[in-house]
Amino acid sequence: MRVAPATAPQAAGAPAPVAEPAATATVMGIPETELTPRVRDAIMRLMGEVDQLRNELNRTRHRLAELERLADRDTLTPLYNRRAFVRELSRAMAYVERYGRPSALIYFDLNGLKVINDQHGHAAGDAALIQVGQILLDNTREVDVVARLGGDEYGVILSETDAQQAREKADHLAEAIRRRPLHWEGKVLPLDAAYGVYPLKPGEDPGSALANADQMMYSHKLARRAARG
């Protein structure tokens, strides 16, 4: 019985094979064989400090992101504030100009807030503002932008929405506000809002768009008063 040799015989005159160098473990690029206990301890302390700095940097980033989020929020309602709304309005107008897609701005004014404040206190007025803000959020899409612009005024940006669709949406939102009166200390306080609808135009600045929407809201309010006699 023939048994194969463990290794093939080396051909006559062939160079002897060169052994592969053994892999050398390193720590931060320093061969482990060159590490003294003091060097090893110093490297471990340095690595610990790097990890600590990395964690502190991550916490700082999260804190800055939270502060930026808070800077965009209205102090009372669950909505954007005016600063954030103007920024988002600028973006929406740039989108309209670049792609030619329709978007619209709705400017709301809550009627009768002064009466609520005078007769039932400012806490009731704040509750009315919060409720209206929540109604607007509940009845708009995630892609839309809703903000309290200040006092009893609100703004809504409707993306991919033409003028007719925006007017229909404004009617729907105003009706949603009317359908939900404020229940306050055993009393039912009616809520109502006037609005102005303004289609966003290429090349226009946000301040002009807001002013035009505000003027259309005021015209709508006057027309409603005249209709009531």
Protein backbone atom coordinates (compact mmCIF):
# COMPACT_ATOMS: atom_id res chain seq x y z
CA MET A 1 0.00 0.00 0.00
CA ARG A 2 1.39 3.35 -1.04
CA VAL A 3 1.12 6.36 1.25
CA ALA A 4 1.29 9.90 -0.18
CA PRO A 5 4.14 11.95 1.25
CA ALA A 6 3.17 14.66 3.71
CA THR A 7 4.73 17.34 1.51
CA ALA A 8 5.60 17.45 -2.13
CA PRO A 9 9.31 17.07 -2.77
CA GLN A 10 11.16 20.26 -3.55
CA ALA A 11 12.25 20.47 -7.15
CA ALA A 12 15.97 20.39 -7.69
CA GLY A 13 17.42 23.84 -7.79
CA ALA A 14 14.21 25.55 -6.57
CA PRO A 15 14.65 28.23 -3.87
CA ALA A 16 13.61 27.31 -0.38
CA PRO A 17 10.16 28.68 0.57
CA VAL A 18 10.17 31.82 2.67
CA ALA A 19 8.20 31.58 5.91
CA GLU A 20 5.40 34.17 6.34
CA PRO A 21 6.16 36.63 9.18
CA ALA A 22 3.99 36.10 12.19
CA ALA A 23 1.29 38.75 12.68
CA THR A 24 2.21 41.22 15.38
CA ALA A 25 -0.55 42.62 17.60
CA THR A 26 -0.57 46.39 17.93
CA VAL A 27 -2.25 48.93 20.19
CA MET A 28 -2.84 52.31 18.52
CA GLY A 29 -0.16 51.35 15.97
CA ILE A 30 2.44 50.38 18.58
CA PRO A 31 3.56 46.73 18.52
CA GLU A 32 2.45 44.99 21.67
CA THR A 33 5.97 43.73 22.24
CA GLU A 34 7.17 47.33 22.62
CA LEU A 35 4.55 48.31 25.19
CA THR A 36 5.84 48.83 28.66
CA PRO A 37 3.36 48.86 31.56
CA ARG A 38 3.64 52.66 31.80
CA VAL A 39 3.00 53.13 28.07
CA ARG A 40 0.06 50.73 28.21
CA ASP A 41 -1.47 52.58 31.17
CA ALA A 42 -1.03 55.95 29.42
CA ILE A 43 -2.70 54.66 26.25
CA MET A 44 -5.64 53.24 28.23
CA ARG A 45 -6.11 56.58 30.02
CA LEU A 46 -5.98 58.41 26.68
CA MET A 47 -8.56 56.06 25.14
CA GLY A 48 -10.83 56.61 28.13
CA GLU A 49 -10.53 60.39 27.76
CA VAL A 50 -11.34 60.12 24.04
CA ASP A 51 -14.48 58.10 24.82
CA GLN A 52 -15.51 60.67 27.43
CA LEU A 53 -15.02 63.55 24.98
CA ARG A 54 -16.99 61.69 22.33
CA ASN A 55 -19.89 61.16 24.75
CA GLU A 56 -19.83 64.83 25.80
CA LEU A 57 -19.87 65.87 22.13
CA ASN A 58 -22.91 63.66 21.45
CA ARG A 59 -24.72 65.11 24.48
CA THR A 60 -23.92 68.64 23.28
CA ARG A 61 -25.25 67.86 19.81
CA HIS A 62 -28.47 66.46 21.24
CA ARG A 63 -28.84 69.50 23.50
CA LEU A 64 -28.31 71.91 20.59
CA ALA A 65 -30.89 70.02 18.53
CA GLU A 66 -33.36 70.25 21.41
CA LEU A 67 -32.70 73.98 21.85
CA GLU A 68 -33.22 74.53 18.13
CA ARG A 69 -36.50 72.62 18.29
CA LEU A 70 -37.66 74.69 21.26
CA ALA A 71 -36.66 77.91 19.49
CA ASP A 72 -39.12 77.01 16.72
CA ARG A 73 -42.05 76.31 19.04
CA ASP A 74 -44.77 78.64 20.21
CA THR A 75 -44.63 79.14 23.96
CA LEU A 76 -48.33 78.36 24.45
CA THR A 77 -49.72 76.16 21.68
CA PRO A 78 -48.38 72.92 20.12
CA LEU A 79 -47.47 74.86 16.96
CA TYR A 80 -44.53 76.54 15.27
CA ASN A 81 -43.89 80.16 16.21
CA ARG A 82 -43.72 83.06 13.76
CA ARG A 83 -39.95 82.78 13.31
CA ALA A 84 -40.18 79.15 12.20
CA PHE A 85 -43.24 79.85 10.06
CA VAL A 86 -41.49 82.59 8.08
CA ARG A 87 -38.56 80.23 7.49
CA GLU A 88 -40.88 77.48 6.24
CA LEU A 89 -42.79 80.00 4.15
CA SER A 90 -39.52 81.00 2.47
CA ARG A 91 -38.85 77.36 1.65
CA ALA A 92 -42.36 76.87 0.27
CA MET A 93 -42.04 79.94 -1.94
CA ALA A 94 -38.65 78.77 -3.22
CA TYR A 95 -40.25 75.43 -4.11
CA VAL A 96 -43.06 77.18 -5.97
CA GLU A 97 -40.57 79.26 -7.91
CA ARG A 98 -38.29 76.36 -8.77
CA TYR A 99 -40.83 73.69 -9.69
CA GLY A 100 -43.92 75.68 -10.56
CA ARG A 101 -46.06 73.63 -8.19
CA PRO A 102 -48.95 75.40 -6.38
CA SER A 103 -48.97 76.13 -2.67
CA ALA A 104 -51.13 78.46 -0.62
CA LEU A 105 -51.11 80.43 2.62
CA ILE A 106 -54.09 80.70 4.97
CA TYR A 107 -54.14 83.48 7.55
CA PHE A 108 -56.56 82.91 10.46
CA ASP A 109 -57.76 85.38 13.06
CA LEU A 110 -59.66 84.09 16.10
CA ASN A 111 -62.75 86.22 16.65
CA GLY A 112 -63.93 87.20 20.12
CA LEU A 113 -60.79 86.39 22.09
CA LYS A 114 -60.90 89.73 23.89
CA VAL A 115 -64.43 89.00 25.09
CA ILE A 116 -63.32 85.63 26.43
CA ASN A 117 -60.37 87.22 28.22
CA ASP A 118 -62.50 90.03 29.69
CA GLN A 119 -65.42 87.88 30.80
CA HIS A 120 -63.73 84.62 31.77
CA GLY A 121 -60.08 85.48 32.40
CA HIS A 122 -56.86 85.06 30.49
CA ALA A 123 -56.61 81.40 31.44
CA ALA A 124 -59.78 80.81 29.43
CA GLY A 125 -58.31 82.82 26.55
CA ASP A 126 -55.15 80.71 26.64
CA ALA A 127 -57.26 77.55 26.62
CA ALA A 128 -59.09 78.85 23.54
CA LEU A 129 -55.80 79.53 21.74
CA ILE A 130 -54.49 76.07 22.58
CA GLN A 131 -57.69 74.40 21.42
CA VAL A 132 -57.75 76.25 18.10
CA GLY A 133 -54.10 75.34 17.51
CA GLN A 134 -54.85 71.67 18.13
CA ILE A 135 -57.85 71.78 15.79
CA LEU A 136 -55.69 73.17 13.00
CA LEU A 137 -53.08 70.46 13.59
CA ASP A 138 -55.70 67.70 13.68
CA ASN A 139 -57.20 68.78 10.36
CA THR A 140 -54.06 69.33 8.26
CA ARG A 141 -51.50 66.99 6.73
CA GLU A 142 -48.02 66.29 8.04
CA VAL A 143 -46.57 68.04 4.99
CA ASP A 144 -48.49 71.23 5.84
CA VAL A 145 -47.10 73.84 8.24
CA VAL A 146 -49.19 75.31 11.07
CA ALA A 147 -48.08 78.15 13.34
CA ARG A 148 -49.34 80.68 15.80
CA LEU A 149 -48.17 83.99 14.36
CA GLY A 150 -48.84 85.94 17.56
CA GLY A 151 -51.83 86.90 19.67
CA ASP A 152 -54.94 85.35 18.15
CA GLU A 153 -53.51 84.88 14.64
CA TYR A 154 -52.49 81.62 12.98
CA GLY A 155 -50.88 80.68 9.69
CA VAL A 156 -51.17 77.52 7.59
CA ILE A 157 -49.04 76.62 4.56
CA LEU A 158 -50.72 74.12 2.25
CA SER A 159 -48.26 72.45 -0.11
CA GLU A 160 -49.32 71.13 -3.53
CA THR A 161 -52.61 73.04 -3.17
CA ASP A 162 -54.15 75.46 -5.67
CA ALA A 163 -56.30 78.49 -4.82
CA GLN A 164 -59.65 76.70 -5.06
CA GLN A 165 -58.48 73.78 -2.95
CA ALA A 166 -57.05 76.20 -0.40
CA ARG A 167 -60.34 78.09 -0.09
CA GLU A 168 -62.20 74.82 0.42
CA LYS A 169 -59.66 73.78 3.07
CA ALA A 170 -59.94 77.14 4.82
CA ASP A 171 -63.74 76.73 4.95
CA HIS A 172 -63.29 73.26 6.39
CA LEU A 173 -60.86 74.46 9.07
CA ALA A 174 -63.06 77.42 10.05
CA GLU A 175 -66.03 75.07 10.34
CA ALA A 176 -63.98 72.67 12.48
CA ILE A 177 -63.22 75.55 14.85
CA ARG A 178 -66.90 76.53 15.06
CA ARG A 179 -67.98 72.95 15.71
CA ARG A 180 -65.81 72.72 18.83
CA PRO A 181 -66.73 75.42 21.36
CA LEU A 182 -64.55 75.82 24.42
CA HIS A 183 -65.91 74.14 27.55
CA TRP A 184 -64.68 76.27 30.43
CA GLU A 185 -65.76 76.04 34.09
CA GLY A 186 -69.21 74.72 33.23
CA LYS A 187 -69.75 77.20 30.40
CA VAL A 188 -69.74 76.65 26.65
CA LEU A 189 -67.84 79.43 24.88
CA PRO A 190 -68.30 79.61 21.10
CA LEU A 191 -65.20 79.92 18.93
CA ASP A 192 -65.05 81.45 15.48
CA ALA A 193 -62.30 82.48 13.04
CA ALA A 194 -62.01 84.64 9.95
CA TYR A 195 -59.45 83.75 7.30
CA GLY A 196 -57.66 84.95 4.21
CA VAL A 197 -56.38 82.64 1.47
CA TYR A 198 -53.40 83.70 -0.60
CA PRO A 199 -51.77 81.55 -3.34
CA LEU A 200 -47.98 81.73 -3.15
CA LYS A 201 -46.34 83.43 -6.13
CA PRO A 202 -42.84 82.99 -7.59
CA GLY A 203 -40.45 85.78 -6.73
CA GLU A 204 -42.50 87.20 -3.86
CA ASP A 205 -41.01 87.61 -0.40
CA PRO A 206 -42.61 86.04 2.71
CA GLY A 207 -43.41 89.41 4.31
CA SER A 208 -45.44 90.49 1.30
CA ALA A 209 -47.29 87.16 1.18
CA LEU A 210 -48.19 87.41 4.87
CA ALA A 211 -49.35 91.01 4.48
CA ASN A 212 -51.55 90.09 1.51
CA ALA A 213 -53.04 87.10 3.32
CA ASP A 214 -53.70 89.31 6.38
CA GLN A 215 -55.47 91.85 4.21
CA MET A 216 -57.62 89.15 2.62
CA MET A 217 -58.49 87.88 6.11
CA TYR A 218 -59.56 91.38 7.14
CA SER A 219 -61.72 91.72 4.02
CA HIS A 220 -63.34 88.37 4.80
CA LYS A 221 -64.05 89.49 8.35
CA LEU A 222 -65.67 92.73 7.15
CA ALA A 223 -67.78 90.86 4.58
CA ARG A 224 -69.08 88.51 7.29
CA ARG A 225 -69.98 91.43 9.55
CA ALA A 226 -71.84 93.11 6.70
CA ALA A 227 -73.72 89.90 5.92
CA ARG A 228 -74.86 89.65 9.53
CA GLY A 229 -76.18 93.18 9.40
